[in-house]
Amino acid sequence: MGYTFNRKQLKKTGLSSVKIYAQCMNPFSIYRATDWFDADFASYANNTKTWAATSATRSFVMGVNIGF
């Protein structure tokens, strides 16, 4: 999600462009009710159930792009 300020909003600041943004990946798991199954580890390939060695990584990114 991001927001870019227009030139009218930035007129008094001396900046030509400003954009703020945020990104969130895997903030929570909706499968916490089942102790025996973790959806982030299950993968289905060729119609067979296999268990992958991937982890459920949580990621939060925030930033600002500024142009002068």
PDB file of N, CA and C in Angstrom:
ATOM      1  N   MET A   1       0.852  -1.132   0.000  1.00  0.00           N
ATOM      2  CA  MET A   1       0.000   0.000   0.000  1.00  0.00           C
ATOM      3  C   MET A   1       0.920   1.222   0.000  1.00  0.00           C
ATOM      4  N   GLY A   2       0.552   2.235  -0.763  1.00  0.00           N
ATOM      5  CA  GLY A   2       1.376   3.435  -0.820  1.00  0.00           C
ATOM      6  C   GLY A   2       0.550   4.673  -1.094  1.00  0.00           C
ATOM      7  N   TYR A   3       1.152   5.807  -0.833  1.00  0.00           N
ATOM      8  CA  TYR A   3       0.511   7.087  -1.106  1.00  0.00           C
ATOM      9  C   TYR A   3       1.567   8.046  -1.660  1.00  0.00           C
ATOM     10  N   THR A   4       1.241   8.669  -2.779  1.00  0.00           N
ATOM     11  CA  THR A   4       2.121   9.656  -3.391  1.00  0.00           C
ATOM     12  C   THR A   4       1.510  11.034  -3.205  1.00  0.00           C
ATOM     13  N   PHE A   5       2.261  11.931  -2.587  1.00  0.00           N
ATOM     14  CA  PHE A   5       1.799  13.303  -2.391  1.00  0.00           C
ATOM     15  C   PHE A   5       1.893  14.057  -3.714  1.00  0.00           C
ATOM     16  N   ASN A   6       0.889  14.881  -4.017  1.00  0.00           N
ATOM     17  CA  ASN A   6       0.929  15.653  -5.255  1.00  0.00           C
ATOM     18  C   ASN A   6       1.732  16.941  -5.054  1.00  0.00           C
ATOM     19  N   ARG A   7       2.039  17.607  -6.143  1.00  0.00           N
ATOM     20  CA  ARG A   7       2.890  18.816  -6.087  1.00  0.00           C
ATOM     21  C   ARG A   7       2.249  19.940  -5.274  1.00  0.00           C
ATOM     22  N   LYS A   8       0.945  20.025  -5.315  1.00  0.00           N
ATOM     23  CA  LYS A   8       0.251  21.068  -4.545  1.00  0.00           C
ATOM     24  C   LYS A   8       0.469  20.866  -3.041  1.00  0.00           C
ATOM     25  N   GLN A   9       0.453  19.623  -2.601  1.00  0.00           N
ATOM     26  CA  GLN A   9       0.693  19.323  -1.189  1.00  0.00           C
ATOM     27  C   GLN A   9       2.143  19.591  -0.790  1.00  0.00           C
ATOM     28  N   LEU A  10       3.074  19.492  -1.734  1.00  0.00           N
ATOM     29  CA  LEU A  10       4.505  19.639  -1.443  1.00  0.00           C
ATOM     30  C   LEU A  10       5.042  21.031  -1.760  1.00  0.00           C
ATOM     31  N   LYS A  11       4.196  21.924  -2.180  1.00  0.00           N
ATOM     32  CA  LYS A  11       4.619  23.242  -2.662  1.00  0.00           C
ATOM     33  C   LYS A  11       5.496  23.988  -1.653  1.00  0.00           C
ATOM     34  N   LYS A  12       5.142  23.992  -0.394  1.00  0.00           N
ATOM     35  CA  LYS A  12       5.881  24.756   0.630  1.00  0.00           C
ATOM     36  C   LYS A  12       7.088  24.008   1.197  1.00  0.00           C
ATOM     37  N   THR A  13       7.247  22.738   0.865  1.00  0.00           N
ATOM     38  CA  THR A  13       8.349  21.965   1.436  1.00  0.00           C
ATOM     39  C   THR A  13       9.635  22.041   0.630  1.00  0.00           C
ATOM     40  N   GLY A  14       9.555  22.386  -0.653  1.00  0.00           N
ATOM     41  CA  GLY A  14      10.737  22.419  -1.497  1.00  0.00           C
ATOM     42  C   GLY A  14      11.088  21.069  -2.092  1.00  0.00           C
ATOM     43  N   LEU A  15      10.265  20.069  -1.870  1.00  0.00           N
ATOM     44  CA  LEU A  15      10.493  18.732  -2.426  1.00  0.00           C
ATOM     45  C   LEU A  15       9.699  18.575  -3.714  1.00  0.00           C
ATOM     46  N   SER A  16      10.216  17.779  -4.642  1.00  0.00           N
ATOM     47  CA  SER A  16       9.489  17.570  -5.895  1.00  0.00           C
ATOM     48  C   SER A  16       8.555  16.364  -5.830  1.00  0.00           C
ATOM     49  N   SER A  17       8.900  15.361  -5.024  1.00  0.00           N
ATOM     50  CA  SER A  17       8.037  14.188  -4.892  1.00  0.00           C
ATOM     51  C   SER A  17       8.275  13.491  -3.556  1.00  0.00           C
ATOM     52  N   VAL A  18       7.203  12.951  -3.005  1.00  0.00           N
ATOM     53  CA  VAL A  18       7.282  12.159  -1.777  1.00  0.00           C
ATOM     54  C   VAL A  18       6.261  11.022  -1.884  1.00  0.00           C
ATOM     55  N   LYS A  19       6.722   9.824  -1.617  1.00  0.00           N
ATOM     56  CA  LYS A  19       5.836   8.662  -1.587  1.00  0.00           C
ATOM     57  C   LYS A  19       6.139   7.881  -0.321  1.00  0.00           C
ATOM     58  N   ILE A  20       5.101   7.511   0.426  1.00  0.00           N
ATOM     59  CA  ILE A  20       5.255   6.640   1.586  1.00  0.00           C
ATOM     60  C   ILE A  20       4.584   5.314   1.244  1.00  0.00           C
ATOM     61  N   TYR A  21       5.145   4.231   1.759  1.00  0.00           N
ATOM     62  CA  TYR A  21       4.584   2.930   1.444  1.00  0.00           C
ATOM     63  C   TYR A  21       4.803   1.949   2.585  1.00  0.00           C
ATOM     64  N   ALA A  22       3.980   0.898   2.592  1.00  0.00           N
ATOM     65  CA  ALA A  22       4.095  -0.175   3.579  1.00  0.00           C
ATOM     66  C   ALA A  22       3.696  -1.489   2.920  1.00  0.00           C
ATOM     67  N   GLN A  23       4.356  -2.554   3.339  1.00  0.00           N
ATOM     68  CA  GLN A  23       4.059  -3.885   2.828  1.00  0.00           C
ATOM     69  C   GLN A  23       4.120  -4.868   3.987  1.00  0.00           C
ATOM     70  N   CYS A  24       3.208  -5.801   3.994  1.00  0.00           N
ATOM     71  CA  CYS A  24       3.171  -6.810   5.044  1.00  0.00           C
ATOM     72  C   CYS A  24       2.918  -8.174   4.407  1.00  0.00           C
ATOM     73  N   MET A  25       3.761  -9.149   4.732  1.00  0.00           N
ATOM     74  CA  MET A  25       3.588 -10.512   4.218  1.00  0.00           C
ATOM     75  C   MET A  25       3.515 -11.485   5.387  1.00  0.00           C
ATOM     76  N   ASN A  26       2.514 -12.347   5.379  1.00  0.00           N
ATOM     77  CA  ASN A  26       2.299 -13.355   6.428  1.00  0.00           C
ATOM     78  C   ASN A  26       2.274 -12.743   7.830  1.00  0.00           C
ATOM     79  N   PRO A  27       1.397 -11.760   8.083  1.00  0.00           N
ATOM     80  CA  PRO A  27       1.377 -11.143   9.414  1.00  0.00           C
ATOM     81  C   PRO A  27       0.862 -12.074  10.503  1.00  0.00           C
ATOM     82  N   PHE A  28       0.060 -13.075  10.141  1.00  0.00           N
ATOM     83  CA  PHE A  28      -0.470 -14.032  11.103  1.00  0.00           C
ATOM     84  C   PHE A  28      -0.885 -15.294  10.358  1.00  0.00           C
ATOM     85  N   SER A  29      -1.106 -16.347  11.082  1.00  0.00           N
ATOM     86  CA  SER A  29      -1.550 -17.593  10.483  1.00  0.00           C
ATOM     87  C   SER A  29      -2.994 -17.836  10.881  1.00  0.00           C
ATOM     88  N   ILE A  30      -3.829 -18.181   9.910  1.00  0.00           N
ATOM     89  CA  ILE A  30      -5.233 -18.428  10.223  1.00  0.00           C
ATOM     90  C   ILE A  30      -5.478 -19.879  10.613  1.00  0.00           C
ATOM     91  N   TYR A  31      -4.428 -20.683  10.659  1.00  0.00           N
ATOM     92  CA  TYR A  31      -4.553 -22.102  10.973  1.00  0.00           C
ATOM     93  C   TYR A  31      -4.034 -22.448  12.365  1.00  0.00           C
ATOM     94  N   ARG A  32      -4.058 -21.532  13.278  1.00  0.00           N
ATOM     95  CA  ARG A  32      -3.532 -21.799  14.622  1.00  0.00           C
ATOM     96  C   ARG A  32      -4.410 -22.768  15.423  1.00  0.00           C
ATOM     97  N   ALA A  33      -5.645 -22.984  15.020  1.00  0.00           N
ATOM     98  CA  ALA A  33      -6.548 -23.857  15.763  1.00  0.00           C
ATOM     99  C   ALA A  33      -6.134 -25.329  15.674  1.00  0.00           C
ATOM    100  N   THR A  34      -5.416 -25.722  14.650  1.00  0.00           N
ATOM    101  CA  THR A  34      -4.981 -27.103  14.493  1.00  0.00           C
ATOM    102  C   THR A  34      -3.498 -27.215  14.794  1.00  0.00           C
ATOM    103  N   ASP A  35      -3.170 -27.979  15.806  1.00  0.00           N
ATOM    104  CA  ASP A  35      -1.767 -28.153  16.203  1.00  0.00           C
ATOM    105  C   ASP A  35      -1.004 -29.063  15.248  1.00  0.00           C
ATOM    106  N   TRP A  36      -1.688 -29.982  14.571  1.00  0.00           N
ATOM    107  CA  TRP A  36      -1.022 -30.993  13.766  1.00  0.00           C
ATOM    108  C   TRP A  36      -0.796 -30.567  12.327  1.00  0.00           C
ATOM    109  N   PHE A  37      -1.374 -29.427  11.887  1.00  0.00           N
ATOM    110  CA  PHE A  37      -1.259 -29.041  10.485  1.00  0.00           C
ATOM    111  C   PHE A  37      -0.827 -27.587  10.365  1.00  0.00           C
ATOM    112  N   ASP A  38       0.214 -27.332   9.619  1.00  0.00           N
ATOM    113  CA  ASP A  38       0.664 -25.976   9.329  1.00  0.00           C
ATOM    114  C   ASP A  38       0.578 -25.773   7.825  1.00  0.00           C
ATOM    115  N   ALA A  39      -0.318 -24.923   7.373  1.00  0.00           N
ATOM    116  CA  ALA A  39      -0.561 -24.718   5.945  1.00  0.00           C
ATOM    117  C   ALA A  39       0.652 -24.148   5.228  1.00  0.00           C
ATOM    118  N   ASP A  40       1.539 -23.483   5.930  1.00  0.00           N
ATOM    119  CA  ASP A  40       2.718 -22.913   5.303  1.00  0.00           C
ATOM    120  C   ASP A  40       3.757 -23.977   4.948  1.00  0.00           C
ATOM    121  N   PHE A  41       3.648 -25.166   5.521  1.00  0.00           N
ATOM    122  CA  PHE A  41       4.605 -26.225   5.227  1.00  0.00           C
ATOM    123  C   PHE A  41       4.082 -27.241   4.223  1.00  0.00           C
ATOM    124  N   ALA A  42       2.796 -27.256   3.965  1.00  0.00           N
ATOM    125  CA  ALA A  42       2.223 -28.246   3.053  1.00  0.00           C
ATOM    126  C   ALA A  42       2.324 -27.768   1.616  1.00  0.00           C
ATOM    127  N   SER A  43       2.659 -28.667   0.727  1.00  0.00           N
ATOM    128  CA  SER A  43       2.634 -28.363  -0.700  1.00  0.00           C
ATOM    129  C   SER A  43       2.100 -29.582  -1.440  1.00  0.00           C
ATOM    130  N   TYR A  44       1.423 -29.329  -2.517  1.00  0.00           N
ATOM    131  CA  TYR A  44       0.853 -30.406  -3.307  1.00  0.00           C
ATOM    132  C   TYR A  44       1.456 -30.354  -4.704  1.00  0.00           C
ATOM    133  N   ALA A  45       2.150 -31.407  -5.088  1.00  0.00           N
ATOM    134  CA  ALA A  45       2.766 -31.477  -6.413  1.00  0.00           C
ATOM    135  C   ALA A  45       2.330 -32.771  -7.075  1.00  0.00           C
ATOM    136  N   ASN A  46       1.868 -32.681  -8.300  1.00  0.00           N
ATOM    137  CA  ASN A  46       1.433 -33.862  -9.076  1.00  0.00           C
ATOM    138  C   ASN A  46       0.373 -34.674  -8.343  1.00  0.00           C
ATOM    139  N   ASN A  47      -0.537 -33.980  -7.678  1.00  0.00           N
ATOM    140  CA  ASN A  47      -1.646 -34.614  -6.944  1.00  0.00           C
ATOM    141  C   ASN A  47      -1.185 -35.503  -5.805  1.00  0.00           C
ATOM    142  N   THR A  48       0.006 -35.322  -5.305  1.00  0.00           N
ATOM    143  CA  THR A  48       0.481 -36.064  -4.144  1.00  0.00           C
ATOM    144  C   THR A  48       0.844 -35.070  -3.052  1.00  0.00           C
ATOM    145  N   LYS A  49       0.618 -35.444  -1.835  1.00  0.00           N
ATOM    146  CA  LYS A  49       0.900 -34.566  -0.701  1.00  0.00           C
ATOM    147  C   LYS A  49       2.355 -34.734  -0.285  1.00  0.00           C
ATOM    148  N   THR A  50       3.100 -33.654  -0.322  1.00  0.00           N
ATOM    149  CA  THR A  50       4.496 -33.691   0.113  1.00  0.00           C
ATOM    150  C   THR A  50       4.700 -32.576   1.133  1.00  0.00           C
ATOM    151  N   TRP A  51       5.706 -32.721   1.945  1.00  0.00           N
ATOM    152  CA  TRP A  51       6.010 -31.697   2.946  1.00  0.00           C
ATOM    153  C   TRP A  51       7.261 -30.951   2.511  1.00  0.00           C
ATOM    154  N   ALA A  52       7.135 -29.654   2.404  1.00  0.00           N
ATOM    155  CA  ALA A  52       8.241 -28.814   1.957  1.00  0.00           C
ATOM    156  C   ALA A  52       9.028 -28.320   3.164  1.00  0.00           C
ATOM    157  N   ALA A  53      10.257 -27.934   2.933  1.00  0.00           N
ATOM    158  CA  ALA A  53      11.117 -27.445   4.009  1.00  0.00           C
ATOM    159  C   ALA A  53      11.170 -25.919   4.011  1.00  0.00           C
ATOM    160  N   THR A  54      10.076 -25.284   3.697  1.00  0.00           N
ATOM    161  CA  THR A  54      10.040 -23.826   3.709  1.00  0.00           C
ATOM    162  C   THR A  54       9.520 -23.336   5.048  1.00  0.00           C
ATOM    163  N   SER A  55       9.857 -22.142   5.388  1.00  0.00           N
ATOM    164  CA  SER A  55       9.390 -21.585   6.653  1.00  0.00           C
ATOM    165  C   SER A  55       8.371 -20.481   6.390  1.00  0.00           C
ATOM    166  N   ALA A  56       7.549 -20.232   7.367  1.00  0.00           N
ATOM    167  CA  ALA A  56       6.540 -19.180   7.282  1.00  0.00           C
ATOM    168  C   ALA A  56       7.179 -17.881   7.753  1.00  0.00           C
ATOM    169  N   THR A  57       7.765 -17.161   6.837  1.00  0.00           N
ATOM    170  CA  THR A  57       8.481 -15.944   7.176  1.00  0.00           C
ATOM    171  C   THR A  57       7.520 -14.771   7.263  1.00  0.00           C
ATOM    172  N   ARG A  58       7.645 -14.025   8.312  1.00  0.00           N
ATOM    173  CA  ARG A  58       6.865 -12.812   8.509  1.00  0.00           C
ATOM    174  C   ARG A  58       7.709 -11.625   8.063  1.00  0.00           C
ATOM    175  N   SER A  59       7.090 -10.709   7.316  1.00  0.00           N
ATOM    176  CA  SER A  59       7.847  -9.581   6.790  1.00  0.00           C
ATOM    177  C   SER A  59       7.027  -8.302   6.874  1.00  0.00           C
ATOM    178  N   PHE A  60       7.633  -7.252   7.411  1.00  0.00           N
ATOM    179  CA  PHE A  60       7.016  -5.930   7.472  1.00  0.00           C
ATOM    180  C   PHE A  60       8.004  -4.931   6.871  1.00  0.00           C
ATOM    181  N   VAL A  61       7.565  -4.199   5.860  1.00  0.00           N
ATOM    182  CA  VAL A  61       8.430  -3.223   5.182  1.00  0.00           C
ATOM    183  C   VAL A  61       7.717  -1.884   5.149  1.00  0.00           C
ATOM    184  N   MET A  62       8.421  -0.841   5.515  1.00  0.00           N
ATOM    185  CA  MET A  62       7.902   0.531   5.433  1.00  0.00           C
ATOM    186  C   MET A  62       8.989   1.393   4.840  1.00  0.00           C
ATOM    187  N   GLY A  63       8.587   2.400   4.056  1.00  0.00           N
ATOM    188  CA  GLY A  63       9.599   3.242   3.458  1.00  0.00           C
ATOM    189  C   GLY A  63       9.061   4.569   2.957  1.00  0.00           C
ATOM    190  N   VAL A  64       9.994   5.422   2.590  1.00  0.00           N
ATOM    191  CA  VAL A  64       9.682   6.744   2.049  1.00  0.00           C
ATOM    192  C   VAL A  64      10.616   6.989   0.873  1.00  0.00           C
ATOM    193  N   ASN A  65      10.043   7.407  -0.266  1.00  0.00           N
ATOM    194  CA  ASN A  65      10.837   7.843  -1.417  1.00  0.00           C
ATOM    195  C   ASN A  65      10.700   9.362  -1.502  1.00  0.00           C
ATOM    196  N   ILE A  66      11.827  10.055  -1.517  1.00  0.00           N
ATOM    197  CA  ILE A  66      11.829  11.522  -1.549  1.00  0.00           C
ATOM    198  C   ILE A  66      12.629  11.996  -2.751  1.00  0.00           C
ATOM    199  N   GLY A  67      12.053  12.929  -3.504  1.00  0.00           N
ATOM    200  CA  GLY A  67      12.752  13.538  -4.622  1.00  0.00           C
ATOM    201  C   GLY A  67      12.925  15.034  -4.389  1.00  0.00           C
ATOM    202  N   PHE A  68      14.121  15.545  -4.706  1.00  0.00           N
ATOM    203  CA  PHE A  68      14.400  16.966  -4.486  1.00  0.00           C
ATOM    204  C   PHE A  68      14.349  17.735  -5.780  1.00  0.00           C
TER     205      PHE A  68
END
